[in-house]
Amino acid sequence: MADKQIIKVRIVRFFIIISFLVVTANLFRLQILQNEYYKNKSLDNRQISKRVNAPRGRIFDRDGIVLADNQFTSDITVANKCLTIGGPDSTLTRLIDWFSLDEQKVYESLLRQQKSNRSRLTVIYNASMSELITVKEKSREIPLASVQSEARRRYIFGDMFAHIVGYVGEVRQSEIDLEPENPIYLSRDNIGRYGVEATFEEELRGQPGQYLYEVDSSGRVVGHKSVEWYPVLPGQDVQLTMSIDLQRSLSELMAERQGCAVAIDVNSGDLLAAVSNPGFDPNMFVSGISTLEWDRLMSNPGHPFMNRLIQGTYPPGSPYKIITSLCALSSGSVTRSTSFKPCTGSYYYGDRSFGCWNRSGHGDVNHTAALVHSCDVFYYQAGLTLSLDSLHDTANILGLGQLTGIPLNSEVAGNIPTTQWYDSHFGKNKWTRGVILNNAIGQGEILATPLQMAVMTARVASGNAVLSPRLTVSEPLPPYESLPFSSDDIKWIRTAMTKVVDIGTGTKAKLSEINVAGKTGTAQTPHGEDHAWFVCFAPAEKPEIALVVLLEHAGHGGTVCAPVAANWLTYYFDWKKDRKAAK
C-alpha cells in the first residue's frame, strides 16, 4: 500500500516537473527566441504606419531667388463614401451649407477625385483658419470630415516662368501601376508635368519615408514616433541660369503680344530670359484644375500651353540670309563684293515671278548692301549658285534643323530640307530647283524654333560652333570649337549685321552708347499676316548677349520687334552696370 502511494506521488511529481519544463521552454521560446516577432505583432495591434512624402526640391533663379517652393496648407476632406450615386451624405451637405460653397463645382471636383481612387476627397483646398476651426468645433456633426495638412507646390511669380519652370500635377493611376511591386508614387502624390518640374522630376521629388503612429482601440491616433524604415530624403534644389530681373523686363516688354523672345549669354550659353505668350498660371494645377478652367485654356486660340521657344516652328525669313551668305562665301560662288542683276522688285525664274519685299526694288546692290537692306532678289540669285544640301549643312552648323539640347520636354527639331527630303515628300524628279529660291530667303519648307535662331545668332556672335543653351548652373560650360568658316567671313557678317541696325532695316534697335548687330525678318505664313523677326547681339565689337524676338502675325520685324529688343538691351546693360557697382 505504501509502495503504491509512493509511486503515485512520483508520477504526480514527474508530471509537475514535465509541465514546468514545458511551460519554461515555451516562455523561453516566446520571450527570448520569438521576442521580436511577438513584439511586432503587439505593435501591429496598437500602431499604424504612414508614408511621409519628401519635401520637393525648390527651383531658384541664378541669384538664388526662389521661383518654386513648397507651402504647407490644410484641406478639409471627407471620406470617399460621402458622395455616392444617391448624392451627398449629411457630412458633405453640411459642409456645403456652412461654407456657402458652389454645389455644382464641389460635386464636379469630388467626382474627378473619385476617378483617381482616392480614399478621401478634398472639399476645400487651402482652407482658411475660420473654416478649419469650424470643422474642429463641429466634428461630432460631421464625423466623416477631417483636416489634412500637406506641403503644396507654390509658383511665386505665377505665369512669368510658366513655360520654363512648368508645373506639377496629381499622379495618374497608370503611372502608379508602372511599379506595382515597389511603387514610386501613391494616390494624391504630385509629379512634374511640364518644364523643369518634369525634366528634373527624379532630382526634385526626393524619397518618401515612413512613420509609426500609436492608436487606441478605436483607431484614434494618440501618439507617434519615427521609425526610419525608409528615411525621408528631401528633393534636390535646382538653380536656373535665368534672372528674375531680366525675365520680368522681357515679360513686361512682350506684354500681351502673341509670340516669344529669348536671350542667351553668347560666352556661356546661359539662358538669361525666355518668354512665350500667351501663358498660364501654373498654380492652377497644384490643387487640380476644374473642367471649366481646363476647357477655357484648351479652347484659347493662342495655345497657351505651347512653349513657342522650343515647340513653335516658323519660317525664319530674312535672318536665314545669314546662313545663305556664309554658305555662298564658303563655297566660293559669291564673294563679299559680288553683285548680280539689279533688283527691280521681282525676279523671274522659269515662268514664275519671285517678289522682293521692297516692291520698288533695291537697284544695283552688292553682297554687303543686300544683307544690310535685306534684298530678296540678290539672295534668289545667290541661292541658285548653291545646292540644297550645302545650305542644309551650313544651317546645321549654326544650330538649325536639330534639337538644341536644352533640358525641357517636347522640343522639336524644325526642318531644313535636303534633296532627299524633297524626293521623299514630292517624289524624285517631281519638284524643281526653284525651291532653292525660297529656301535662300528663309521661306518655303524651312522651319526653325526661336531658340534655334538664338543659338544661330549666338554662334555667329561668339564664333563657337558648339555653343548651346544652358538652363541650369550645374550644366558644364560649353567647350570652344571654332566655326568652320573663314574668320574674315564671320567678321564681315558681324559688320554687315551692325550696319543693318545703323543704316538698314533695323534702325529702331539702335542704342545711343552701345553698337547692336542685328537682322530683321518678315516671314510669310498661309495662316494670316506675316510673322515678324528680329535677331541681334551686342555689343557688336565684343558680343555678350544674343536676343531673338518673334511676334506672330505682326508685320515687319524692323517695325515691331526691333523696338522691343532695343528696350530690353537697354535694361540689360543697365542691370549689368548696377550689379558691377554693387560688388
Protein backbone atom coordinates (compact mmCIF):
# COMPACT_ATOMS: atom_id res chain seq x y z
CA MET A 1 0.00 0.00 0.00
CA ALA A 2 2.78 2.32 0.97
CA ASP A 3 4.64 1.42 -2.23
CA LYS A 4 1.61 2.30 -4.36
CA GLN A 5 1.31 5.64 -2.61
CA ILE A 6 4.95 6.42 -3.26
CA ILE A 7 4.55 5.51 -6.95
CA LYS A 8 1.54 7.84 -7.26
CA VAL A 9 3.46 10.69 -5.67
CA ARG A 10 6.40 10.11 -8.01
CA ILE A 11 4.10 10.06 -11.04
CA VAL A 12 2.44 13.33 -9.97
CA ARG A 13 5.84 14.85 -9.26
CA PHE A 14 7.09 13.70 -12.69
CA PHE A 15 4.12 15.33 -14.48
CA ILE A 16 4.59 18.53 -12.46
CA ILE A 17 8.26 18.68 -13.47
CA ILE A 18 7.43 17.91 -17.11
CA SER A 19 4.71 20.59 -17.10
CA PHE A 20 7.10 23.07 -15.53
CA LEU A 21 9.74 22.29 -18.14
CA VAL A 22 7.20 22.66 -20.96
CA VAL A 23 6.00 26.00 -19.57
CA THR A 24 9.60 27.16 -19.10
CA ALA A 25 10.53 26.09 -22.63
CA ASN A 26 7.53 27.92 -24.05
CA LEU A 27 8.35 31.02 -22.03
CA PHE A 28 11.91 30.85 -23.32
CA ARG A 29 10.67 30.47 -26.89
CA LEU A 30 8.14 33.28 -26.56
CA GLN A 31 10.26 35.76 -24.62
CA ILE A 32 13.69 35.00 -25.98
CA LEU A 33 13.63 33.17 -29.30
CA GLN A 34 10.47 34.80 -30.73
CA ASN A 35 10.56 38.02 -28.77
CA GLU A 36 10.91 40.25 -31.86
CA TYR A 37 8.11 38.50 -33.71
CA TYR A 38 5.54 38.86 -30.91
CA LYS A 39 6.73 42.34 -30.11
CA ASN A 40 5.98 43.39 -33.67
CA LYS A 41 2.63 41.58 -33.57
CA SER A 42 1.78 43.54 -30.44
CA LEU A 43 2.82 46.78 -32.09
CA ASP A 44 0.68 45.96 -35.10
CA ASN A 45 -2.35 45.95 -32.82
CA ARG A 46 -1.68 49.45 -31.45
CA GLN A 47 0.36 51.16 -34.16
CA ILE A 48 -0.24 52.09 -37.77
CA SER A 49 2.38 53.04 -40.32
CA LYS A 50 2.09 56.08 -42.56
CA ARG A 51 4.10 57.11 -45.60
CA VAL A 52 5.60 60.58 -45.31
CA ASN A 53 6.27 62.43 -48.55
CA ALA A 54 9.62 64.08 -49.04
CA PRO A 55 9.64 67.85 -49.47
CA ARG A 56 10.06 68.64 -53.14
CA GLY A 57 13.25 70.44 -54.14
CA ARG A 58 13.00 74.17 -54.77
CA ILE A 59 13.74 75.98 -58.02
CA PHE A 60 15.85 79.16 -57.93
CA ASP A 61 16.94 81.80 -60.40
CA ARG A 62 20.65 82.47 -61.00
CA ASP A 63 20.83 84.78 -57.96
CA GLY A 64 19.15 82.40 -55.54
CA ILE A 65 15.67 83.94 -55.72
CA VAL A 66 13.00 81.28 -55.19
CA LEU A 67 10.81 80.61 -58.22
CA ALA A 68 9.04 77.48 -56.92
CA ASP A 69 8.84 76.16 -53.36
CA ASN A 70 6.51 74.30 -51.00
CA GLN A 71 3.87 75.81 -48.76
CA PHE A 72 2.11 73.89 -46.00
CA THR A 73 -1.64 74.13 -46.39
CA SER A 74 -4.60 72.46 -44.72
CA ASP A 75 -7.50 70.94 -46.64
CA ILE A 76 -10.94 69.92 -45.47
CA THR A 77 -11.62 66.37 -46.66
CA VAL A 78 -14.40 63.80 -46.42
CA ALA A 79 -14.48 60.03 -46.78
CA ASN A 80 -14.99 58.74 -50.30
CA LYS A 81 -18.35 57.24 -49.34
CA CYS A 82 -19.78 60.71 -48.58
CA LEU A 83 -20.55 61.06 -52.29
CA THR A 84 -22.48 58.15 -53.77
CA ILE A 85 -24.78 57.60 -56.72
CA GLY A 86 -27.61 58.69 -54.43
CA GLY A 87 -25.94 62.03 -53.81
CA PRO A 88 -24.09 63.65 -50.90
CA ASP A 89 -24.47 62.46 -47.32
CA SER A 90 -25.19 64.70 -44.33
CA THR A 91 -21.49 65.49 -43.72
CA LEU A 92 -20.97 66.80 -47.23
CA THR A 93 -24.31 68.62 -47.26
CA ARG A 94 -23.46 70.45 -44.04
CA LEU A 95 -20.03 71.49 -45.29
CA ILE A 96 -21.54 72.93 -48.46
CA ASP A 97 -24.17 74.77 -46.45
CA TRP A 98 -21.86 76.08 -43.69
CA PHE A 99 -19.27 77.48 -46.04
CA SER A 100 -21.67 78.61 -48.84
CA LEU A 101 -19.87 76.50 -51.44
CA ASP A 102 -20.86 76.22 -55.10
CA GLU A 103 -22.62 72.87 -55.00
CA GLN A 104 -22.07 72.08 -58.68
CA LYS A 105 -18.34 72.87 -58.57
CA VAL A 106 -17.89 70.78 -55.42
CA TYR A 107 -19.60 67.76 -56.97
CA GLU A 108 -17.56 68.12 -60.15
CA SER A 109 -14.32 68.26 -58.19
CA LEU A 110 -15.23 65.30 -55.96
CA LEU A 111 -16.27 63.14 -58.90
CA ARG A 112 -12.95 63.86 -60.60
CA GLN A 113 -11.14 62.85 -57.42
CA GLN A 114 -13.16 59.64 -57.10
CA LYS A 115 -11.93 58.60 -60.53
CA SER A 116 -8.39 58.70 -59.09
CA ASN A 117 -9.38 56.05 -56.47
CA ARG A 118 -8.86 58.40 -53.55
CA SER A 119 -9.87 57.18 -50.11
CA ARG A 120 -10.55 60.76 -49.05
CA LEU A 121 -11.93 63.60 -51.14
CA THR A 122 -10.91 67.23 -50.74
CA VAL A 123 -13.85 69.60 -50.38
CA ILE A 124 -11.90 72.81 -49.60
CA TYR A 125 -8.29 73.26 -50.66
CA ASN A 126 -6.10 75.57 -48.59
CA ALA A 127 -8.85 76.19 -46.05
CA SER A 128 -8.88 79.40 -44.00
CA MET A 129 -8.32 79.37 -40.25
CA SER A 130 -12.01 80.07 -39.55
CA GLU A 131 -13.02 77.13 -41.77
CA LEU A 132 -10.56 74.81 -40.03
CA ILE A 133 -11.80 75.89 -36.57
CA THR A 134 -15.42 75.29 -37.60
CA VAL A 135 -14.62 71.73 -38.72
CA LYS A 136 -12.79 71.03 -35.44
CA GLU A 137 -15.54 72.50 -33.26
CA LYS A 138 -18.36 70.68 -35.05
CA SER A 139 -16.56 67.38 -35.58
CA ARG A 140 -19.42 65.40 -33.95
CA GLU A 141 -21.88 66.70 -36.55
CA ILE A 142 -19.57 65.79 -39.44
CA PRO A 143 -17.85 62.54 -38.32
CA LEU A 144 -16.57 61.69 -41.80
CA ALA A 145 -14.83 65.05 -42.30
CA SER A 146 -11.28 65.81 -41.24
CA VAL A 147 -8.44 68.25 -41.75
CA GLN A 148 -5.39 67.10 -43.72
CA SER A 149 -2.21 69.16 -43.90
CA GLU A 150 0.44 68.77 -46.57
CA ALA A 151 3.15 70.66 -48.43
CA ARG A 152 1.84 72.03 -51.71
CA ARG A 153 3.80 73.47 -54.62
CA ARG A 154 3.83 77.25 -54.98
CA TYR A 155 4.94 79.22 -58.02
CA ILE A 156 5.98 82.61 -56.70
CA PHE A 157 5.84 84.55 -59.96
CA GLY A 158 2.76 82.96 -61.48
CA ASP A 159 2.82 82.87 -65.26
CA MET A 160 6.17 84.67 -65.65
CA PHE A 161 8.19 81.41 -65.76
CA ALA A 162 5.32 79.07 -66.70
CA HIS A 163 6.88 77.61 -69.87
CA ILE A 164 10.29 77.13 -68.28
CA VAL A 165 9.61 76.09 -64.66
CA GLY A 166 6.42 74.23 -65.64
CA TYR A 167 4.08 72.72 -63.06
CA VAL A 168 3.24 69.57 -61.08
CA GLY A 169 0.01 67.62 -61.16
CA GLU A 170 -1.53 64.67 -59.36
CA VAL A 171 -0.11 61.30 -60.37
CA ARG A 172 -2.32 59.09 -62.53
CA GLN A 173 -3.19 55.50 -61.68
CA SER A 174 -1.44 54.32 -64.84
CA GLU A 175 1.78 55.91 -63.56
CA ILE A 176 1.41 54.27 -60.16
CA ASP A 177 0.92 50.90 -61.84
CA LEU A 178 4.27 51.16 -63.63
CA GLU A 179 5.97 49.89 -60.43
CA PRO A 180 3.37 47.51 -58.90
CA GLU A 181 5.82 45.78 -56.53
CA ASN A 182 7.54 48.88 -55.20
CA PRO A 183 5.53 51.91 -56.34
CA ILE A 184 7.40 55.19 -56.53
CA TYR A 185 4.16 57.16 -56.32
CA LEU A 186 0.90 56.69 -54.44
CA SER A 187 -2.51 58.27 -54.93
CA ARG A 188 -2.51 62.05 -54.30
CA ASP A 189 1.24 62.33 -54.91
CA ASN A 190 2.40 65.05 -57.27
CA ILE A 191 4.59 64.52 -60.31
CA GLY A 192 6.27 67.00 -62.65
CA ARG A 193 4.08 67.51 -65.71
CA TYR A 194 5.82 70.23 -67.68
CA GLY A 195 9.03 72.21 -67.97
CA VAL A 196 11.80 71.91 -65.39
CA GLU A 197 9.37 70.21 -63.00
CA ALA A 198 9.03 67.32 -65.45
CA THR A 199 12.59 67.18 -66.79
CA PHE A 200 14.15 67.17 -63.32
CA GLU A 201 11.42 65.09 -61.66
CA GLU A 202 13.85 62.45 -60.39
CA GLU A 203 16.04 65.05 -58.66
CA LEU A 204 13.20 67.24 -57.36
CA ARG A 205 10.86 64.58 -55.95
CA GLY A 206 13.13 63.20 -53.19
CA GLN A 207 12.45 59.92 -51.38
CA PRO A 208 9.46 59.40 -49.03
CA GLY A 209 9.91 58.00 -45.52
CA GLN A 210 7.78 56.08 -43.00
CA TYR A 211 6.35 56.93 -39.55
CA LEU A 212 4.59 54.81 -36.92
CA TYR A 213 1.56 56.25 -35.12
CA GLU A 214 0.16 54.85 -31.86
CA VAL A 215 -3.61 54.37 -31.83
CA ASP A 216 -6.20 53.43 -29.21
CA SER A 217 -8.75 50.64 -29.53
CA SER A 218 -10.95 52.81 -31.74
CA GLY A 219 -8.09 53.62 -34.11
CA ARG A 220 -7.69 57.23 -32.92
CA VAL A 221 -4.10 58.48 -33.06
CA VAL A 222 -2.73 59.07 -29.56
CA GLY A 223 0.99 59.50 -30.31
CA HIS A 224 3.74 58.76 -32.78
CA LYS A 225 7.39 58.04 -33.06
CA SER A 226 9.77 57.99 -36.00
CA VAL A 227 10.85 54.62 -37.31
CA GLU A 228 13.32 55.01 -40.17
CA TRP A 229 12.34 52.06 -42.27
CA TYR A 230 12.79 54.45 -45.20
CA PRO A 231 14.28 57.78 -44.12
CA VAL A 232 12.82 60.91 -45.71
CA LEU A 233 15.28 62.30 -48.26
CA PRO A 234 14.31 65.82 -49.38
CA GLY A 235 14.38 66.55 -53.10
CA GLN A 236 17.36 68.32 -54.58
CA ASP A 237 17.13 72.02 -55.38
CA VAL A 238 17.57 73.15 -58.99
CA GLN A 239 19.14 76.51 -59.83
CA LEU A 240 18.44 78.03 -63.23
CA THR A 241 20.71 80.31 -65.25
CA MET A 242 17.81 82.73 -65.69
CA SER A 243 17.42 86.05 -63.89
CA ILE A 244 14.14 87.20 -62.37
CA ASP A 245 15.04 90.83 -63.18
CA LEU A 246 15.78 90.14 -66.85
CA GLN A 247 12.75 87.86 -67.14
CA ARG A 248 10.43 90.46 -65.64
CA SER A 249 11.73 93.13 -68.01
CA LEU A 250 11.27 90.93 -71.09
CA SER A 251 7.79 89.84 -69.92
CA GLU A 252 6.69 93.46 -69.49
CA LEU A 253 8.00 94.41 -72.92
CA MET A 254 6.25 91.48 -74.58
CA ALA A 255 3.07 92.35 -72.62
CA GLU A 256 0.04 90.70 -74.24
CA ARG A 257 1.63 90.28 -77.66
CA GLN A 258 1.48 86.79 -79.11
CA GLY A 259 4.93 85.41 -79.76
CA CYS A 260 8.12 84.84 -77.83
CA ALA A 261 11.53 86.25 -77.02
CA VAL A 262 14.73 84.69 -75.70
CA ALA A 263 18.12 85.98 -74.56
CA ILE A 264 21.34 83.93 -74.36
CA ASP A 265 24.78 84.75 -72.98
CA VAL A 266 27.00 84.24 -76.04
CA ASN A 267 30.01 83.13 -73.99
CA SER A 268 28.45 80.63 -71.57
CA GLY A 269 25.24 79.75 -73.38
CA ASP A 270 23.27 80.72 -70.25
CA LEU A 271 19.58 81.19 -70.91
CA LEU A 272 19.00 84.56 -69.21
CA ALA A 273 15.38 85.28 -70.10
CA ALA A 274 12.72 83.47 -72.11
CA VAL A 275 9.09 84.45 -72.64
CA SER A 276 6.33 82.66 -74.55
CA ASN A 277 2.95 84.39 -74.96
CA PRO A 278 0.22 83.66 -74.16
CA GLY A 279 0.98 81.75 -70.98
CA PHE A 280 -0.84 80.32 -67.97
CA ASP A 281 -0.61 80.34 -64.18
CA PRO A 282 0.95 77.01 -63.07
CA ASN A 283 -0.59 77.44 -59.59
CA MET A 284 -3.92 76.38 -61.15
CA PHE A 285 -2.69 72.80 -61.44
CA VAL A 286 -1.42 72.35 -57.89
CA SER A 287 -4.84 71.64 -56.37
CA GLY A 288 -6.41 70.24 -59.52
CA ILE A 289 -7.78 72.37 -62.31
CA SER A 290 -11.54 72.45 -62.91
CA THR A 291 -13.06 71.25 -66.16
CA LEU A 292 -14.26 74.79 -66.89
CA GLU A 293 -10.77 76.27 -66.48
CA TRP A 294 -9.20 73.47 -68.49
CA ASP A 295 -11.67 73.90 -71.35
CA ARG A 296 -11.07 77.65 -71.32
CA LEU A 297 -7.31 77.17 -71.67
CA MET A 298 -7.60 74.44 -74.29
CA SER A 299 -10.03 76.49 -76.41
CA ASN A 300 -7.78 79.56 -76.33
CA PRO A 301 -6.74 80.16 -79.98
CA GLY A 302 -3.37 81.40 -78.72
CA HIS A 303 -2.47 77.91 -77.43
CA PRO A 304 -1.11 78.97 -74.01
CA PHE A 305 0.37 75.54 -73.26
CA MET A 306 2.62 75.64 -76.32
CA ASN A 307 6.15 76.73 -75.46
CA ARG A 308 6.82 78.71 -78.62
CA LEU A 309 10.53 78.89 -77.79
CA ILE A 310 11.07 75.18 -78.44
CA GLN A 311 7.78 73.89 -79.88
CA GLY A 312 6.81 76.67 -82.25
CA THR A 313 8.27 76.24 -85.74
CA TYR A 314 8.27 79.20 -88.08
CA PRO A 315 9.77 80.17 -91.42
CA PRO A 316 12.87 82.10 -90.29
CA GLY A 317 12.55 84.66 -93.07
CA SER A 318 15.35 87.12 -93.71
CA PRO A 319 17.55 86.21 -90.68
CA TYR A 320 18.19 83.00 -92.65
CA LYS A 321 20.08 85.12 -95.18
CA ILE A 322 22.99 84.98 -92.71
CA ILE A 323 23.18 81.25 -93.45
CA THR A 324 22.82 81.74 -97.20
CA SER A 325 25.64 84.32 -97.16
CA LEU A 326 28.01 82.08 -95.16
CA CYS A 327 27.21 79.10 -97.37
CA ALA A 328 27.85 81.11 -100.56
CA LEU A 329 31.07 82.64 -99.20
CA SER A 330 32.34 79.21 -98.09
CA SER A 331 31.59 77.63 -101.47
CA GLY A 332 33.30 80.48 -103.31
CA SER A 333 30.27 81.02 -105.53
CA VAL A 334 29.80 84.50 -104.08
CA THR A 335 32.28 86.98 -102.63
CA ARG A 336 31.71 89.80 -100.17
CA SER A 337 31.56 92.29 -103.06
CA THR A 338 29.56 90.24 -105.57
CA SER A 339 26.72 91.93 -107.47
CA PHE A 340 24.01 90.20 -109.52
CA LYS A 341 21.31 91.55 -111.78
CA PRO A 342 19.80 94.71 -110.26
CA CYS A 343 16.73 94.36 -108.07
CA THR A 344 13.66 95.80 -109.77
CA GLY A 345 11.24 94.48 -107.14
CA SER A 346 10.96 90.96 -108.55
CA TYR A 347 12.94 88.15 -110.13
CA TYR A 348 11.77 85.76 -112.85
CA TYR A 349 12.77 82.13 -112.69
CA GLY A 350 11.18 79.96 -115.34
CA ASP A 351 7.60 81.10 -115.72
CA ARG A 352 7.28 82.35 -112.14
CA SER A 353 7.93 85.74 -110.61
CA PHE A 354 9.57 85.88 -107.18
CA GLY A 355 8.97 89.22 -105.49
CA CYS A 356 11.20 91.31 -103.24
CA TRP A 357 9.77 92.77 -100.04
CA ASN A 358 10.66 96.20 -101.48
CA ARG A 359 8.27 96.35 -104.44
CA SER A 360 10.13 99.38 -105.83
CA GLY A 361 13.36 97.40 -105.91
CA HIS A 362 16.81 97.99 -104.41
CA GLY A 363 18.56 98.64 -107.70
CA ASP A 364 22.17 97.55 -108.13
CA VAL A 365 23.40 96.16 -104.76
CA ASN A 366 26.47 94.18 -103.81
CA HIS A 367 26.53 91.41 -101.20
CA THR A 368 27.01 93.75 -98.24
CA ALA A 369 24.20 96.11 -99.26
CA ALA A 370 21.95 93.13 -99.98
CA LEU A 371 22.32 91.86 -96.39
CA VAL A 372 22.04 95.33 -94.86
CA HIS A 373 18.87 96.18 -96.77
CA SER A 374 17.62 92.57 -96.97
CA CYS A 375 17.27 92.41 -100.75
CA ASP A 376 15.40 89.22 -101.66
CA VAL A 377 16.30 89.41 -105.36
CA PHE A 378 20.03 89.29 -104.58
CA TYR A 379 19.52 86.19 -102.41
CA TYR A 380 17.38 84.44 -105.03
CA GLN A 381 20.36 84.69 -107.39
CA ALA A 382 22.85 83.72 -104.68
CA GLY A 383 20.72 80.67 -103.85
CA LEU A 384 20.87 79.47 -107.44
CA THR A 385 24.67 79.17 -107.10
CA LEU A 386 24.24 76.72 -104.20
CA SER A 387 22.89 73.24 -103.56
CA LEU A 388 20.09 72.41 -101.16
CA ASP A 389 22.38 70.08 -99.25
CA SER A 390 25.11 72.69 -98.76
CA LEU A 391 22.51 75.13 -97.39
CA HIS A 392 21.27 72.39 -95.09
CA ASP A 393 24.80 71.64 -93.82
CA THR A 394 25.53 75.31 -93.13
CA ALA A 395 22.24 75.67 -91.25
CA ASN A 396 23.10 72.59 -89.18
CA ILE A 397 26.49 74.03 -88.25
CA LEU A 398 24.71 77.10 -86.88
CA GLY A 399 22.18 75.04 -84.91
CA LEU A 400 19.11 74.87 -87.15
CA GLY A 401 17.31 71.67 -88.09
CA GLN A 402 18.31 69.88 -84.88
CA LEU A 403 17.48 69.90 -81.18
CA THR A 404 19.37 72.49 -79.15
CA GLY A 405 19.66 70.03 -76.24
CA ILE A 406 18.01 72.32 -73.69
CA PRO A 407 16.64 70.12 -70.86
CA LEU A 408 12.96 70.82 -71.46
CA ASN A 409 10.38 68.34 -72.69
CA SER A 410 8.81 68.34 -76.15
CA GLU A 411 11.48 70.30 -78.02
CA VAL A 412 11.13 69.94 -81.79
CA ALA A 413 13.87 69.97 -84.41
CA GLY A 414 12.25 72.09 -87.12
CA ASN A 415 13.06 71.36 -90.75
CA ILE A 416 15.93 72.28 -93.05
CA PRO A 417 15.10 70.33 -96.23
CA THR A 418 17.61 68.39 -98.29
CA THR A 419 17.40 66.85 -101.75
CA GLN A 420 16.42 63.58 -100.13
CA TRP A 421 13.67 65.33 -98.13
CA TYR A 422 12.10 66.77 -101.29
CA ASP A 423 12.37 63.39 -103.05
CA SER A 424 10.60 61.64 -100.17
CA HIS A 425 7.84 64.26 -99.91
CA PHE A 426 7.18 65.09 -103.56
CA GLY A 427 8.75 62.19 -105.45
CA LYS A 428 12.01 62.02 -107.33
CA ASN A 429 12.13 64.49 -110.25
CA LYS A 430 8.70 65.81 -109.20
CA TRP A 431 9.98 69.08 -107.84
CA THR A 432 12.08 71.81 -109.43
CA ARG A 433 15.26 73.54 -108.45
CA GLY A 434 13.14 76.65 -107.99
CA VAL A 435 12.54 75.61 -104.37
CA ILE A 436 16.03 76.88 -103.52
CA LEU A 437 14.96 80.46 -104.26
CA ASN A 438 12.52 80.37 -101.38
CA ASN A 439 14.96 78.47 -99.19
CA ALA A 440 17.64 81.10 -99.76
CA ILE A 441 15.46 83.74 -98.09
CA GLY A 442 14.25 81.51 -95.23
CA GLN A 443 10.86 80.65 -96.73
CA GLY A 444 9.44 77.56 -98.41
CA GLU A 445 9.63 74.41 -96.33
CA ILE A 446 12.24 75.75 -93.90
CA LEU A 447 11.08 75.82 -90.28
CA ALA A 448 13.01 76.81 -87.17
CA THR A 449 12.26 77.41 -83.49
CA PRO A 450 13.04 80.77 -81.88
CA LEU A 451 15.55 79.08 -79.56
CA GLN A 452 17.37 77.64 -82.57
CA MET A 453 17.50 81.14 -84.06
CA ALA A 454 19.00 82.39 -80.80
CA VAL A 455 21.63 79.64 -80.98
CA MET A 456 22.41 80.61 -84.57
CA THR A 457 22.82 84.26 -83.55
CA ALA A 458 24.97 83.38 -80.54
CA ARG A 459 27.24 81.14 -82.61
CA VAL A 460 27.79 83.88 -85.19
CA ALA A 461 28.48 86.35 -82.37
CA SER A 462 30.89 84.09 -80.46
CA GLY A 463 32.42 82.07 -83.29
CA ASN A 464 31.76 78.96 -81.18
CA ALA A 465 30.38 76.09 -83.25
CA VAL A 466 29.20 74.05 -80.24
CA LEU A 467 27.60 76.81 -78.16
CA SER A 468 24.25 75.55 -76.82
CA PRO A 469 21.75 76.94 -74.32
CA ARG A 470 22.44 76.21 -70.64
CA LEU A 471 19.37 76.14 -68.40
CA THR A 472 20.87 75.16 -65.02
CA VAL A 473 24.06 76.33 -63.35
CA SER A 474 25.10 72.71 -62.78
CA GLU A 475 25.43 72.03 -66.52
CA PRO A 476 29.02 72.15 -67.81
CA LEU A 477 30.13 75.21 -69.74
CA PRO A 478 30.35 74.57 -73.48
CA PRO A 479 33.84 73.91 -74.86
CA TYR A 480 35.11 76.21 -77.58
CA GLU A 481 35.24 74.94 -81.14
CA SER A 482 35.70 77.46 -83.94
CA LEU A 483 33.06 77.71 -86.65
CA PRO A 484 34.32 76.05 -89.86
CA PHE A 485 34.15 79.32 -91.79
CA SER A 486 36.77 81.89 -92.67
CA SER A 487 37.30 84.28 -89.75
CA ASP A 488 37.16 87.13 -92.30
CA ASP A 489 33.75 85.94 -93.48
CA ILE A 490 32.45 85.79 -89.89
CA LYS A 491 33.83 89.27 -89.26
CA TRP A 492 32.12 90.50 -92.44
CA ILE A 493 28.77 89.02 -91.34
CA ARG A 494 29.05 90.78 -87.95
CA THR A 495 29.94 94.07 -89.62
CA ALA A 496 27.03 93.79 -92.05
CA MET A 497 24.65 93.00 -89.17
CA THR A 498 25.92 96.12 -87.39
CA LYS A 499 25.10 98.17 -90.49
CA VAL A 500 21.60 96.64 -90.51
CA VAL A 501 20.96 98.47 -87.23
CA ASP A 502 22.94 101.59 -88.12
CA ILE A 503 21.56 102.32 -91.59
CA GLY A 504 19.48 99.33 -92.72
CA THR A 505 16.15 97.74 -91.83
CA GLY A 506 16.82 97.52 -88.08
CA THR A 507 17.43 101.15 -87.11
CA LYS A 508 14.74 101.02 -84.40
CA ALA A 509 17.07 98.74 -82.40
CA LYS A 510 19.82 101.36 -82.33
CA LEU A 511 21.20 102.35 -78.91
CA SER A 512 22.97 105.60 -78.10
CA GLU A 513 26.04 104.17 -76.34
CA ILE A 514 26.26 100.53 -77.48
CA ASN A 515 26.53 99.17 -81.00
CA VAL A 516 23.98 96.49 -81.82
CA ALA A 517 24.31 93.96 -84.66
CA GLY A 518 21.05 92.52 -85.92
CA LYS A 519 18.87 91.21 -88.72
CA THR A 520 15.21 91.91 -89.29
CA GLY A 521 12.80 89.46 -90.82
CA THR A 522 9.26 89.27 -92.18
CA ALA A 523 8.20 85.67 -92.70
CA GLN A 524 5.21 84.84 -94.83
CA THR A 525 2.65 82.40 -93.47
CA PRO A 526 -0.51 80.98 -95.08
CA HIS A 527 -2.41 81.50 -91.82
CA GLY A 528 -2.67 85.28 -91.70
CA GLU A 529 -0.44 88.32 -91.60
CA ASP A 530 3.34 87.84 -91.74
CA HIS A 531 5.39 86.90 -88.67
CA ALA A 532 7.92 89.49 -87.52
CA TRP A 533 11.50 88.59 -86.51
CA PHE A 534 14.47 90.41 -85.08
CA VAL A 535 17.72 88.62 -84.14
CA CYS A 536 20.65 90.54 -82.67
CA PHE A 537 23.71 90.56 -80.45
CA ALA A 538 25.53 93.27 -78.54
CA PRO A 539 27.93 94.91 -78.12
CA ALA A 540 28.74 94.41 -81.79
CA GLU A 541 32.52 94.69 -81.22
CA LYS A 542 32.71 92.30 -78.27
CA PRO A 543 29.43 90.34 -78.08
CA GLU A 544 27.97 89.40 -74.69
CA ILE A 545 24.31 88.79 -75.32
CA ALA A 546 22.19 87.37 -78.15
CA LEU A 547 18.50 88.22 -78.33
CA VAL A 548 15.68 86.98 -80.56
CA VAL A 549 12.18 88.49 -80.70
CA LEU A 550 9.35 86.87 -82.68
CA LEU A 551 5.87 88.39 -82.87
CA GLU A 552 3.25 86.33 -84.66
CA HIS A 553 1.19 87.96 -87.44
CA ALA A 554 2.66 91.34 -86.53
CA GLY A 555 4.13 92.56 -89.83
CA HIS A 556 7.68 93.84 -90.28
CA GLY A 557 10.37 92.83 -87.81
CA GLY A 558 12.18 96.15 -88.05
CA THR A 559 8.99 97.98 -87.11
CA VAL A 560 7.59 95.88 -84.23
CA CYS A 561 10.37 93.61 -82.93
CA ALA A 562 13.40 95.90 -83.10
CA PRO A 563 11.97 98.38 -80.53
CA VAL A 564 11.33 95.52 -78.07
CA ALA A 565 14.95 94.43 -78.50
CA ALA A 566 16.26 97.99 -78.02
CA ASN A 567 14.33 98.48 -74.78
CA TRP A 568 15.37 95.14 -73.34
CA LEU A 569 19.05 95.59 -74.28
CA THR A 570 18.99 99.00 -72.59
CA TYR A 571 17.66 97.35 -69.44
CA TYR A 572 20.18 94.52 -69.68
CA PHE A 573 23.24 96.78 -69.85
CA ASP A 574 21.92 98.98 -67.01
CA TRP A 575 21.32 95.80 -64.99
CA LYS A 576 24.89 94.68 -65.63
CA LYS A 577 26.24 98.10 -64.64
CA ASP A 578 24.25 98.08 -61.38
CA ARG A 579 25.45 94.59 -60.48
CA LYS A 580 29.04 95.55 -61.13
CA ALA A 581 28.69 98.67 -58.97
CA ALA A 582 27.11 96.65 -56.15
CA LYS A 583 30.11 94.31 -55.88
